[in-house]
Amino acid sequence: MGPVMELQRELHQRQQRLSHHHHHHHHHLLPLLSAPPVVIAQVKTTLPLGVQPATELPRIIRGEGDVKELMRRLKDDFLERQYFVTGALDGSIYDDNCLFEDPMMGFRGLERWRKNLKLVVPFLDQQQVQLVEGPYELPPTSDGTRRVKADWRLITGVKLPWHPHVDVGGATTYEISSEGPVVIVRHTESWNVTAGEAVMQLLFTGSPPDQA
């Protein structure tokens, strides 16, 4: 989620800089960078070949094997739906008010997450998220909160004139509700690059230059 959301922020910031410093130049970039969200959202998108659409299964009832069932559904979201780069997921395993966090931002709400992804997905090209390891269960926190973790790698081209390429590895920790149906109440990402390095990948053609 995070690196993809960072694309949305960088597009907005880049458009502001272009508008301010190059008012009479680079007009071929401005229609794309300044497109209002309502226009971006109307861009026709299709799921990558072989990716399954979003689904809504019954909520998981608390009891023996409940976390294993959640991990099974989460793995399907990675392998069958590529949810990081499509927005297609099994909403039944998330609390409606789930907290989504990454190194740059945080907000609450599954529907807000879906809407944010809908704005960004039209810019992605040959996107994929690889499940490196997991999902696997972590030891509970000190207050008894159960947790699951998945390690991943996000790779995508970006449909912009300078053809940036994003390749970011990371992990997501999923905290599970302590009562009621078994759902994810906190979705926290960590990356193997800094936020600044992730932005640099969006500013250069292909892979960014090696840092000294």
Protein backbone atom coordinates (compact mmCIF):
# COMPACT_ATOMS: atom_id res chain seq x y z
CA MET A 1 0.00 0.00 0.00
CA GLY A 2 2.55 2.54 1.20
CA PRO A 3 4.83 2.87 -1.85
CA VAL A 4 1.76 2.96 -4.09
CA MET A 5 0.15 5.67 -1.96
CA GLU A 6 3.44 7.57 -2.07
CA LEU A 7 3.01 7.72 -5.85
CA GLN A 8 -0.26 9.57 -5.39
CA ARG A 9 1.37 12.15 -3.10
CA GLU A 10 4.39 12.59 -5.38
CA LEU A 11 2.18 13.19 -8.42
CA HIS A 12 0.36 15.95 -6.60
CA GLN A 13 3.55 17.58 -5.32
CA ARG A 14 5.28 17.35 -8.70
CA GLN A 15 2.32 19.00 -10.40
CA GLN A 16 2.49 21.89 -7.93
CA ARG A 17 6.22 22.36 -8.56
CA LEU A 18 5.78 22.23 -12.33
CA SER A 19 2.93 24.70 -12.24
CA HIS A 20 4.94 27.14 -10.11
CA HIS A 21 8.38 26.92 -11.74
CA HIS A 22 7.58 26.01 -15.36
CA HIS A 23 4.38 27.80 -16.12
CA HIS A 24 5.33 28.18 -19.79
CA HIS A 25 7.15 24.85 -20.27
CA HIS A 26 6.54 21.09 -20.20
CA HIS A 27 2.84 21.46 -20.99
CA HIS A 28 2.75 17.84 -22.21
CA LEU A 29 3.12 16.73 -18.57
CA LEU A 30 0.52 18.95 -17.00
CA PRO A 31 -2.69 17.24 -18.24
CA LEU A 32 -1.62 13.99 -16.57
CA LEU A 33 -0.18 15.48 -13.39
CA SER A 34 -3.00 17.95 -12.81
CA ALA A 35 -5.91 15.62 -13.57
CA PRO A 36 -8.43 15.91 -10.74
CA PRO A 37 -9.11 12.71 -8.76
CA VAL A 38 -12.56 12.31 -10.32
CA VAL A 39 -10.95 12.11 -13.77
CA ILE A 40 -8.20 9.72 -12.65
CA ALA A 41 -10.77 7.44 -11.06
CA GLN A 42 -12.61 7.14 -14.36
CA VAL A 43 -9.57 5.73 -16.20
CA LYS A 44 -10.48 2.23 -17.33
CA THR A 45 -8.49 -0.38 -15.44
CA THR A 46 -8.48 -4.14 -15.56
CA LEU A 47 -6.98 -6.62 -13.14
CA PRO A 48 -3.70 -8.18 -14.28
CA LEU A 49 -4.06 -11.50 -16.09
CA GLY A 50 -4.87 -14.30 -13.67
CA VAL A 51 -5.81 -12.02 -10.79
CA GLN A 52 -9.09 -12.82 -9.10
CA PRO A 53 -11.63 -10.08 -8.23
CA ALA A 54 -12.45 -8.95 -4.72
CA THR A 55 -14.56 -11.26 -2.63
CA GLU A 56 -16.58 -11.13 0.58
CA LEU A 57 -16.60 -14.38 2.53
CA PRO A 58 -18.41 -14.84 5.86
CA ARG A 59 -16.69 -13.40 8.92
CA ILE A 60 -14.36 -15.79 10.76
CA ILE A 61 -15.86 -16.99 14.04
CA ARG A 62 -13.55 -16.89 17.06
CA GLY A 63 -12.36 -20.35 18.07
CA GLU A 64 -9.87 -23.09 17.32
CA GLY A 65 -8.06 -22.53 14.02
CA ASP A 66 -9.37 -18.98 13.55
CA VAL A 67 -5.97 -17.37 12.95
CA LYS A 68 -4.98 -20.13 10.53
CA GLU A 69 -8.14 -19.42 8.53
CA LEU A 70 -7.35 -15.69 8.52
CA MET A 71 -3.82 -16.41 7.28
CA ARG A 72 -5.22 -18.65 4.54
CA ARG A 73 -7.51 -15.86 3.32
CA LEU A 74 -4.74 -13.29 3.58
CA LYS A 75 -2.46 -15.50 1.50
CA ASP A 76 -5.19 -15.70 -1.16
CA ASP A 77 -5.32 -11.90 -1.18
CA PHE A 78 -1.60 -11.85 -1.99
CA LEU A 79 -1.39 -14.74 -4.45
CA GLU A 80 -4.78 -14.67 -6.18
CA ARG A 81 -5.74 -11.00 -5.97
CA GLN A 82 -2.40 -9.12 -5.65
CA TYR A 83 -4.27 -6.84 -3.27
CA PHE A 84 -1.39 -4.39 -2.73
CA VAL A 85 -1.51 -3.28 -6.37
CA THR A 86 -5.14 -3.99 -7.31
CA GLY A 87 -7.23 -3.04 -4.28
CA ALA A 88 -9.04 -6.38 -4.63
CA LEU A 89 -9.24 -8.17 -1.30
CA ASP A 90 -11.44 -10.19 1.03
CA GLY A 91 -13.09 -7.44 3.05
CA SER A 92 -14.46 -9.96 5.55
CA ILE A 93 -11.08 -10.24 7.29
CA TYR A 94 -10.84 -6.49 8.00
CA ASP A 95 -12.58 -4.35 10.57
CA ASP A 96 -14.45 -1.51 8.85
CA ASN A 97 -12.45 0.97 10.96
CA CYS A 98 -9.09 -0.78 10.47
CA LEU A 99 -6.02 1.42 10.99
CA PHE A 100 -3.71 1.46 7.92
CA GLU A 101 -0.15 2.68 8.57
CA ASP A 102 3.14 2.96 6.68
CA PRO A 103 6.37 4.95 7.27
CA MET A 104 4.78 8.06 5.73
CA MET A 105 1.15 8.12 6.79
CA GLY A 106 -1.75 6.51 8.61
CA PHE A 107 -5.52 6.58 8.41
CA ARG A 108 -8.58 4.58 9.41
CA GLY A 109 -11.18 2.87 7.27
CA LEU A 110 -11.25 -0.01 4.82
CA GLU A 111 -13.34 1.94 2.32
CA ARG A 112 -10.90 4.85 2.40
CA TRP A 113 -8.07 2.43 1.65
CA ARG A 114 -10.01 1.04 -1.30
CA LYS A 115 -10.76 4.51 -2.66
CA ASN A 116 -7.10 5.55 -2.37
CA LEU A 117 -5.98 2.48 -4.31
CA LYS A 118 -8.60 3.14 -6.98
CA LEU A 119 -6.97 6.52 -7.68
CA VAL A 120 -3.47 5.06 -8.03
CA VAL A 121 -3.97 1.74 -9.83
CA PRO A 122 -4.57 3.34 -13.29
CA PHE A 123 -0.96 4.63 -13.21
CA LEU A 124 0.61 1.20 -12.58
CA ASP A 125 2.07 -0.92 -15.37
CA GLN A 126 2.83 -4.65 -15.13
CA GLN A 127 2.46 -4.39 -11.38
CA GLN A 128 3.02 -7.33 -9.09
CA VAL A 129 3.50 -8.02 -5.42
CA GLN A 130 5.51 -11.10 -4.56
CA LEU A 131 4.82 -12.90 -1.29
CA VAL A 132 8.35 -13.61 -0.04
CA GLU A 133 7.36 -15.32 3.20
CA GLY A 134 4.19 -15.92 5.19
CA PRO A 135 1.70 -15.06 6.33
CA TYR A 136 2.99 -16.41 9.64
CA GLU A 137 1.92 -15.91 13.23
CA LEU A 138 3.96 -13.71 15.58
CA PRO A 139 4.06 -13.96 19.37
CA PRO A 140 1.23 -11.94 20.96
CA THR A 141 1.96 -8.42 22.22
CA SER A 142 2.28 -7.73 25.94
CA ASP A 143 -1.47 -7.07 26.15
CA GLY A 144 -2.29 -10.36 24.40
CA THR A 145 -3.03 -8.97 20.92
CA ARG A 146 -2.55 -11.68 18.30
CA ARG A 147 -0.51 -10.77 15.23
CA VAL A 148 0.28 -12.10 11.77
CA LYS A 149 3.08 -10.96 9.46
CA ALA A 150 3.84 -11.24 5.73
CA ASP A 151 7.07 -10.33 3.90
CA TRP A 152 6.66 -9.04 0.34
CA ARG A 153 8.27 -7.34 -2.63
CA LEU A 154 6.44 -4.74 -4.71
CA ILE A 155 7.49 -4.24 -8.34
CA THR A 156 5.74 -1.95 -10.81
CA GLY A 157 6.27 0.37 -13.70
CA VAL A 158 4.50 3.72 -13.61
CA LYS A 159 2.62 5.19 -16.58
CA LEU A 160 4.33 8.57 -16.61
CA PRO A 161 6.41 10.23 -19.36
CA TRP A 162 9.74 9.52 -17.63
CA HIS A 163 8.85 5.81 -17.08
CA PRO A 164 9.85 5.34 -13.43
CA HIS A 165 10.17 1.86 -11.98
CA VAL A 166 9.42 0.99 -8.37
CA ASP A 167 11.00 -2.00 -6.63
CA VAL A 168 10.47 -2.02 -2.86
CA GLY A 169 10.64 -4.84 -0.34
CA GLY A 170 8.92 -4.77 3.00
CA ALA A 171 6.66 -6.46 5.48
CA THR A 172 3.16 -5.95 6.85
CA THR A 173 2.09 -6.76 10.38
CA TYR A 174 -1.61 -7.44 10.91
CA GLU A 175 -3.06 -7.05 14.40
CA ILE A 176 -6.16 -9.09 15.12
CA SER A 177 -9.27 -8.12 17.07
CA SER A 178 -9.52 -9.32 20.67
CA GLU A 179 -13.28 -9.90 20.69
CA GLY A 180 -16.11 -10.57 18.28
CA PRO A 181 -15.36 -11.87 14.77
CA VAL A 182 -11.70 -12.45 13.94
CA VAL A 183 -10.72 -9.44 11.83
CA ILE A 184 -7.64 -7.29 11.19
CA VAL A 185 -7.81 -4.06 13.17
CA ARG A 186 -4.33 -2.71 12.32
CA HIS A 187 -2.38 -3.03 9.05
CA THR A 188 1.18 -1.72 9.55
CA GLU A 189 3.82 -1.64 6.80
CA SER A 190 7.59 -1.42 7.09
CA TRP A 191 9.88 -0.95 4.05
CA ASN A 192 13.47 -1.93 3.32
CA VAL A 193 14.10 1.56 1.91
CA THR A 194 13.58 4.96 3.46
CA ALA A 195 10.62 7.10 2.43
CA GLY A 196 13.06 9.38 0.60
CA GLU A 197 14.55 6.47 -1.35
CA ALA A 198 11.05 5.34 -2.33
CA VAL A 199 10.32 8.83 -3.70
CA MET A 200 13.63 8.82 -5.64
CA GLN A 201 12.44 5.75 -7.55
CA LEU A 202 9.51 7.83 -8.81
CA LEU A 203 11.71 10.66 -10.07
CA PHE A 204 14.04 8.78 -12.39
CA THR A 205 13.69 6.79 -15.60
CA GLY A 206 13.95 3.08 -14.84
CA SER A 207 15.76 2.16 -11.63
CA PRO A 208 17.15 5.11 -9.65
CA PRO A 209 20.92 5.69 -9.71
CA ASP A 210 23.03 3.96 -7.10
CA GLN A 211 23.57 6.00 -3.99
CA ALA A 212 27.16 6.61 -2.93
